[in-house]
Amino acid sequence: QVQLVESGGGLVQSGGSLRLSCTTSRRIYGFDIIGWYRHAPGKQRELVASINSGGTTNYADSVKGRFTISLDNAKTTVYLQMNALKAADEAVYYCHSRPFGEGDYWGQGTQVTVSS
Protein backbone atom coordinates (compact mmCIF):
# COMPACT_ATOMS: atom_id res chain seq x y z
CA GLN A 1 0.00 0.00 0.00
CA VAL A 2 1.07 3.53 -0.77
CA GLN A 3 -0.30 6.63 0.93
CA LEU A 4 -0.18 9.95 -0.88
CA VAL A 5 -0.66 13.22 0.97
CA GLU A 6 -1.18 16.38 -1.06
CA SER A 7 -0.95 20.03 -0.17
CA GLY A 8 -0.71 23.41 -1.84
CA GLY A 9 -4.00 23.97 -3.59
CA GLY A 10 -6.03 27.12 -3.17
CA LEU A 11 -7.32 30.26 -4.80
CA VAL A 12 -5.11 32.21 -7.18
CA GLN A 13 -5.68 35.02 -9.65
CA SER A 14 -5.43 34.37 -13.34
CA GLY A 15 -1.78 34.60 -14.34
CA GLY A 16 -0.61 33.68 -10.87
CA SER A 17 1.32 30.68 -9.56
CA LEU A 18 0.81 27.81 -7.15
CA ARG A 19 2.95 24.89 -6.10
CA LEU A 20 1.41 21.55 -5.25
CA SER A 21 3.24 18.98 -3.14
CA CYS A 22 2.61 15.27 -2.71
CA THR A 23 4.46 13.09 -0.24
CA THR A 24 4.43 9.35 -0.75
CA SER A 25 4.83 6.74 1.97
CA ARG A 26 7.08 4.72 -0.33
CA ARG A 27 10.20 6.03 -2.03
CA ILE A 28 10.03 6.19 -5.82
CA TYR A 29 12.61 3.97 -7.51
CA GLY A 30 13.19 1.96 -10.66
CA PHE A 31 10.28 2.14 -13.09
CA ASP A 32 7.84 3.68 -10.62
CA ILE A 33 5.87 6.67 -11.86
CA ILE A 34 4.38 9.48 -9.83
CA GLY A 35 2.52 12.54 -11.01
CA TRP A 36 -0.61 14.62 -11.11
CA TYR A 37 -4.01 14.29 -12.69
CA ARG A 38 -6.81 16.81 -12.62
CA HIS A 39 -10.57 16.60 -12.83
CA ALA A 40 -12.70 19.56 -13.76
CA PRO A 41 -16.52 19.54 -13.61
CA GLY A 42 -18.03 18.08 -16.78
CA LYS A 43 -14.67 16.83 -18.03
CA GLN A 44 -12.77 13.58 -17.80
CA ARG A 45 -9.88 13.20 -15.44
CA GLU A 46 -6.70 13.98 -17.35
CA LEU A 47 -2.99 13.52 -16.83
CA VAL A 48 -1.26 16.80 -16.09
CA ALA A 49 2.32 15.66 -15.60
CA SER A 50 4.30 12.65 -14.48
CA ILE A 51 7.88 11.80 -13.58
CA ASN A 52 9.84 8.63 -12.94
CA SER A 53 12.73 8.00 -10.59
CA GLY A 54 15.21 8.81 -13.32
CA GLY A 55 13.69 12.24 -13.81
CA THR A 56 11.99 11.61 -17.13
CA THR A 57 8.92 13.81 -17.36
CA ASN A 58 5.71 13.82 -19.33
CA TYR A 59 3.30 16.76 -19.67
CA ALA A 60 -0.11 17.39 -21.10
CA ASP A 61 0.14 19.69 -24.11
CA SER A 62 -2.08 22.22 -22.37
CA VAL A 63 0.45 22.80 -19.57
CA LYS A 64 3.77 22.54 -21.38
CA GLY A 65 5.89 25.61 -20.76
CA ARG A 66 3.79 26.66 -17.75
CA PHE A 67 3.95 23.71 -15.33
CA THR A 68 7.02 21.94 -14.01
CA ILE A 69 7.06 18.61 -12.20
CA SER A 70 9.98 17.66 -10.01
CA LEU A 71 11.01 15.04 -7.47
CA ASP A 72 13.04 15.73 -4.33
CA ASN A 73 16.38 14.04 -3.71
CA ALA A 74 14.82 11.59 -1.26
CA LYS A 75 12.34 10.64 -3.99
CA THR A 76 9.44 10.80 -1.60
CA THR A 77 7.93 14.16 -2.54
CA VAL A 78 6.79 15.30 -5.95
CA TYR A 79 6.09 18.93 -6.73
CA LEU A 80 4.02 20.59 -9.40
CA GLN A 81 4.96 24.20 -9.99
CA MET A 82 2.13 25.88 -11.85
CA ASN A 83 2.74 29.26 -13.46
CA ALA A 84 0.61 31.49 -15.66
CA LEU A 85 -2.53 29.84 -14.35
CA LYS A 86 -5.74 30.35 -16.26
CA ALA A 87 -9.39 29.48 -15.86
CA ALA A 88 -8.95 26.25 -17.82
CA ASP A 89 -6.56 25.00 -15.12
CA GLU A 90 -9.23 25.14 -12.43
CA ALA A 91 -9.86 21.61 -11.19
CA VAL A 92 -9.30 19.16 -8.39
CA TYR A 93 -5.71 17.96 -8.67
CA TYR A 94 -4.91 14.41 -7.64
CA CYS A 95 -1.54 12.96 -6.89
CA HIS A 96 -1.09 9.60 -8.57
CA SER A 97 1.47 6.86 -8.09
CA ARG A 98 1.98 3.68 -10.02
CA PRO A 99 4.77 1.56 -8.55
CA PHE A 100 6.19 -0.83 -11.10
CA GLY A 101 4.12 -4.01 -11.26
CA GLU A 102 1.38 -2.63 -9.03
CA GLY A 103 -1.86 -0.77 -9.47
CA ASP A 104 -2.75 2.88 -9.14
CA TYR A 105 -2.70 4.85 -5.94
CA TRP A 106 -4.43 8.22 -5.53
CA GLY A 107 -4.28 11.11 -3.13
CA GLN A 108 -7.36 12.73 -1.70
CA GLY A 109 -7.28 15.64 -4.15
CA THR A 110 -6.66 19.33 -3.72
CA GLN A 111 -8.75 22.11 -5.23
CA VAL A 112 -7.17 24.71 -7.47
CA THR A 113 -9.39 27.71 -8.15
CA VAL A 114 -8.40 30.42 -10.61
CA SER A 115 -10.17 33.76 -10.39
CA SER A 116 -10.34 36.22 -13.26
C-alpha atoms as a PDB file:
ATOM      1  CA  GLN A   1       0.000   0.000   0.000  1.00  0.00           C
ATOM      2  CA  VAL A   2       1.072   3.530  -0.773  1.00  0.00           C
ATOM      3  CA  GLN A   3      -0.298   6.634   0.929  1.00  0.00           C
ATOM      4  CA  LEU A   4      -0.178   9.948  -0.882  1.00  0.00           C
ATOM      5  CA  VAL A   5      -0.656  13.222   0.975  1.00  0.00           C
ATOM      6  CA  GLU A   6      -1.178  16.376  -1.063  1.00  0.00           C
ATOM      7  CA  SER A   7      -0.951  20.030  -0.171  1.00  0.00           C
ATOM      8  CA  GLY A   8      -0.711  23.408  -1.841  1.00  0.00           C
ATOM      9  CA  GLY A   9      -4.005  23.968  -3.593  1.00  0.00           C
ATOM     10  CA  GLY A  10      -6.034  27.122  -3.168  1.00  0.00           C
ATOM     11  CA  LEU A  11      -7.317  30.261  -4.798  1.00  0.00           C
ATOM     12  CA  VAL A  12      -5.111  32.210  -7.183  1.00  0.00           C
ATOM     13  CA  GLN A  13      -5.678  35.017  -9.649  1.00  0.00           C
ATOM     14  CA  SER A  14      -5.431  34.371 -13.340  1.00  0.00           C
ATOM     15  CA  GLY A  15      -1.779  34.599 -14.345  1.00  0.00           C
ATOM     16  CA  GLY A  16      -0.612  33.677 -10.874  1.00  0.00           C
ATOM     17  CA  SER A  17       1.319  30.683  -9.556  1.00  0.00           C
ATOM     18  CA  LEU A  18       0.812  27.808  -7.152  1.00  0.00           C
ATOM     19  CA  ARG A  19       2.951  24.888  -6.098  1.00  0.00           C
ATOM     20  CA  LEU A  20       1.412  21.548  -5.248  1.00  0.00           C
ATOM     21  CA  SER A  21       3.244  18.979  -3.141  1.00  0.00           C
ATOM     22  CA  CYS A  22       2.612  15.272  -2.710  1.00  0.00           C
ATOM     23  CA  THR A  23       4.456  13.086  -0.240  1.00  0.00           C
ATOM     24  CA  THR A  24       4.431   9.346  -0.748  1.00  0.00           C
ATOM     25  CA  SER A  25       4.825   6.741   1.971  1.00  0.00           C
ATOM     26  CA  ARG A  26       7.075   4.724  -0.329  1.00  0.00           C
ATOM     27  CA  ARG A  27      10.197   6.026  -2.035  1.00  0.00           C
ATOM     28  CA  ILE A  28      10.029   6.194  -5.819  1.00  0.00           C
ATOM     29  CA  TYR A  29      12.607   3.967  -7.514  1.00  0.00           C
ATOM     30  CA  GLY A  30      13.194   1.958 -10.659  1.00  0.00           C
ATOM     31  CA  PHE A  31      10.282   2.138 -13.085  1.00  0.00           C
ATOM     32  CA  ASP A  32       7.843   3.682 -10.616  1.00  0.00           C
ATOM     33  CA  ILE A  33       5.871   6.669 -11.856  1.00  0.00           C
ATOM     34  CA  ILE A  34       4.383   9.484  -9.835  1.00  0.00           C
ATOM     35  CA  GLY A  35       2.517  12.542 -11.007  1.00  0.00           C
ATOM     36  CA  TRP A  36      -0.606  14.616 -11.110  1.00  0.00           C
ATOM     37  CA  TYR A  37      -4.009  14.286 -12.690  1.00  0.00           C
ATOM     38  CA  ARG A  38      -6.809  16.806 -12.618  1.00  0.00           C
ATOM     39  CA  HIS A  39     -10.567  16.598 -12.826  1.00  0.00           C
ATOM     40  CA  ALA A  40     -12.703  19.562 -13.760  1.00  0.00           C
ATOM     41  CA  PRO A  41     -16.524  19.535 -13.613  1.00  0.00           C
ATOM     42  CA  GLY A  42     -18.027  18.082 -16.776  1.00  0.00           C
ATOM     43  CA  LYS A  43     -14.669  16.829 -18.026  1.00  0.00           C
ATOM     44  CA  GLN A  44     -12.773  13.580 -17.805  1.00  0.00           C
ATOM     45  CA  ARG A  45      -9.877  13.196 -15.438  1.00  0.00           C
ATOM     46  CA  GLU A  46      -6.697  13.980 -17.353  1.00  0.00           C
ATOM     47  CA  LEU A  47      -2.994  13.523 -16.833  1.00  0.00           C
ATOM     48  CA  VAL A  48      -1.256  16.799 -16.095  1.00  0.00           C
ATOM     49  CA  ALA A  49       2.322  15.661 -15.600  1.00  0.00           C
ATOM     50  CA  SER A  50       4.304  12.650 -14.476  1.00  0.00           C
ATOM     51  CA  ILE A  51       7.877  11.797 -13.576  1.00  0.00           C
ATOM     52  CA  ASN A  52       9.837   8.631 -12.944  1.00  0.00           C
ATOM     53  CA  SER A  53      12.725   7.996 -10.586  1.00  0.00           C
ATOM     54  CA  GLY A  54      15.208   8.806 -13.325  1.00  0.00           C
ATOM     55  CA  GLY A  55      13.689  12.236 -13.806  1.00  0.00           C
ATOM     56  CA  THR A  56      11.988  11.606 -17.130  1.00  0.00           C
ATOM     57  CA  THR A  57       8.920  13.810 -17.355  1.00  0.00           C
ATOM     58  CA  ASN A  58       5.707  13.820 -19.332  1.00  0.00           C
ATOM     59  CA  TYR A  59       3.303  16.757 -19.670  1.00  0.00           C
ATOM     60  CA  ALA A  60      -0.111  17.385 -21.101  1.00  0.00           C
ATOM     61  CA  ASP A  61       0.142  19.685 -24.107  1.00  0.00           C
ATOM     62  CA  SER A  62      -2.079  22.216 -22.374  1.00  0.00           C
ATOM     63  CA  VAL A  63       0.446  22.799 -19.565  1.00  0.00           C
ATOM     64  CA  LYS A  64       3.769  22.541 -21.382  1.00  0.00           C
ATOM     65  CA  GLY A  65       5.893  25.606 -20.762  1.00  0.00           C
ATOM     66  CA  ARG A  66       3.794  26.658 -17.752  1.00  0.00           C
ATOM     67  CA  PHE A  67       3.953  23.710 -15.329  1.00  0.00           C
ATOM     68  CA  THR A  68       7.024  21.939 -14.010  1.00  0.00           C
ATOM     69  CA  ILE A  69       7.059  18.609 -12.198  1.00  0.00           C
ATOM     70  CA  SER A  70       9.984  17.660 -10.007  1.00  0.00           C
ATOM     71  CA  LEU A  71      11.014  15.037  -7.468  1.00  0.00           C
ATOM     72  CA  ASP A  72      13.039  15.725  -4.327  1.00  0.00           C
ATOM     73  CA  ASN A  73      16.382  14.036  -3.707  1.00  0.00           C
ATOM     74  CA  ALA A  74      14.821  11.594  -1.265  1.00  0.00           C
ATOM     75  CA  LYS A  75      12.339  10.641  -3.990  1.00  0.00           C
ATOM     76  CA  THR A  76       9.445  10.803  -1.596  1.00  0.00           C
ATOM     77  CA  THR A  77       7.930  14.155  -2.535  1.00  0.00           C
ATOM     78  CA  VAL A  78       6.786  15.301  -5.947  1.00  0.00           C
ATOM     79  CA  TYR A  79       6.095  18.932  -6.733  1.00  0.00           C
ATOM     80  CA  LEU A  80       4.023  20.593  -9.404  1.00  0.00           C
ATOM     81  CA  GLN A  81       4.959  24.204  -9.991  1.00  0.00           C
ATOM     82  CA  MET A  82       2.130  25.877 -11.853  1.00  0.00           C
ATOM     83  CA  ASN A  83       2.735  29.259 -13.456  1.00  0.00           C
ATOM     84  CA  ALA A  84       0.610  31.494 -15.662  1.00  0.00           C
ATOM     85  CA  LEU A  85      -2.531  29.842 -14.354  1.00  0.00           C
ATOM     86  CA  LYS A  86      -5.738  30.355 -16.263  1.00  0.00           C
ATOM     87  CA  ALA A  87      -9.386  29.480 -15.859  1.00  0.00           C
ATOM     88  CA  ALA A  88      -8.946  26.252 -17.819  1.00  0.00           C
ATOM     89  CA  ASP A  89      -6.563  25.000 -15.122  1.00  0.00           C
ATOM     90  CA  GLU A  90      -9.231  25.136 -12.435  1.00  0.00           C
ATOM     91  CA  ALA A  91      -9.861  21.613 -11.191  1.00  0.00           C
ATOM     92  CA  VAL A  92      -9.300  19.159  -8.389  1.00  0.00           C
ATOM     93  CA  TYR A  93      -5.714  17.961  -8.668  1.00  0.00           C
ATOM     94  CA  TYR A  94      -4.905  14.410  -7.641  1.00  0.00           C
ATOM     95  CA  CYS A  95      -1.537  12.962  -6.887  1.00  0.00           C
ATOM     96  CA  HIS A  96      -1.094   9.596  -8.569  1.00  0.00           C
ATOM     97  CA  SER A  97       1.473   6.863  -8.087  1.00  0.00           C
ATOM     98  CA  ARG A  98       1.983   3.676 -10.016  1.00  0.00           C
ATOM     99  CA  PRO A  99       4.771   1.556  -8.545  1.00  0.00           C
ATOM    100  CA  PHE A 100       6.191  -0.826 -11.098  1.00  0.00           C
ATOM    101  CA  GLY A 101       4.123  -4.008 -11.263  1.00  0.00           C
ATOM    102  CA  GLU A 102       1.380  -2.634  -9.030  1.00  0.00           C
ATOM    103  CA  GLY A 103      -1.864  -0.772  -9.474  1.00  0.00           C
ATOM    104  CA  ASP A 104      -2.748   2.880  -9.144  1.00  0.00           C
ATOM    105  CA  TYR A 105      -2.704   4.853  -5.942  1.00  0.00           C
ATOM    106  CA  TRP A 106      -4.426   8.220  -5.532  1.00  0.00           C
ATOM    107  CA  GLY A 107      -4.276  11.108  -3.130  1.00  0.00           C
ATOM    108  CA  GLN A 108      -7.364  12.730  -1.702  1.00  0.00           C
ATOM    109  CA  GLY A 109      -7.277  15.636  -4.149  1.00  0.00           C
ATOM    110  CA  THR A 110      -6.658  19.335  -3.717  1.00  0.00           C
ATOM    111  CA  GLN A 111      -8.750  22.110  -5.230  1.00  0.00           C
ATOM    112  CA  VAL A 112      -7.168  24.712  -7.471  1.00  0.00           C
ATOM    113  CA  THR A 113      -9.392  27.707  -8.149  1.00  0.00           C
ATOM    114  CA  VAL A 114      -8.401  30.418 -10.611  1.00  0.00           C
ATOM    115  CA  SER A 115     -10.171  33.763 -10.394  1.00  0.00           C
ATOM    116  CA  SER A 116     -10.335  36.222 -13.260  1.00  0.00           C
END
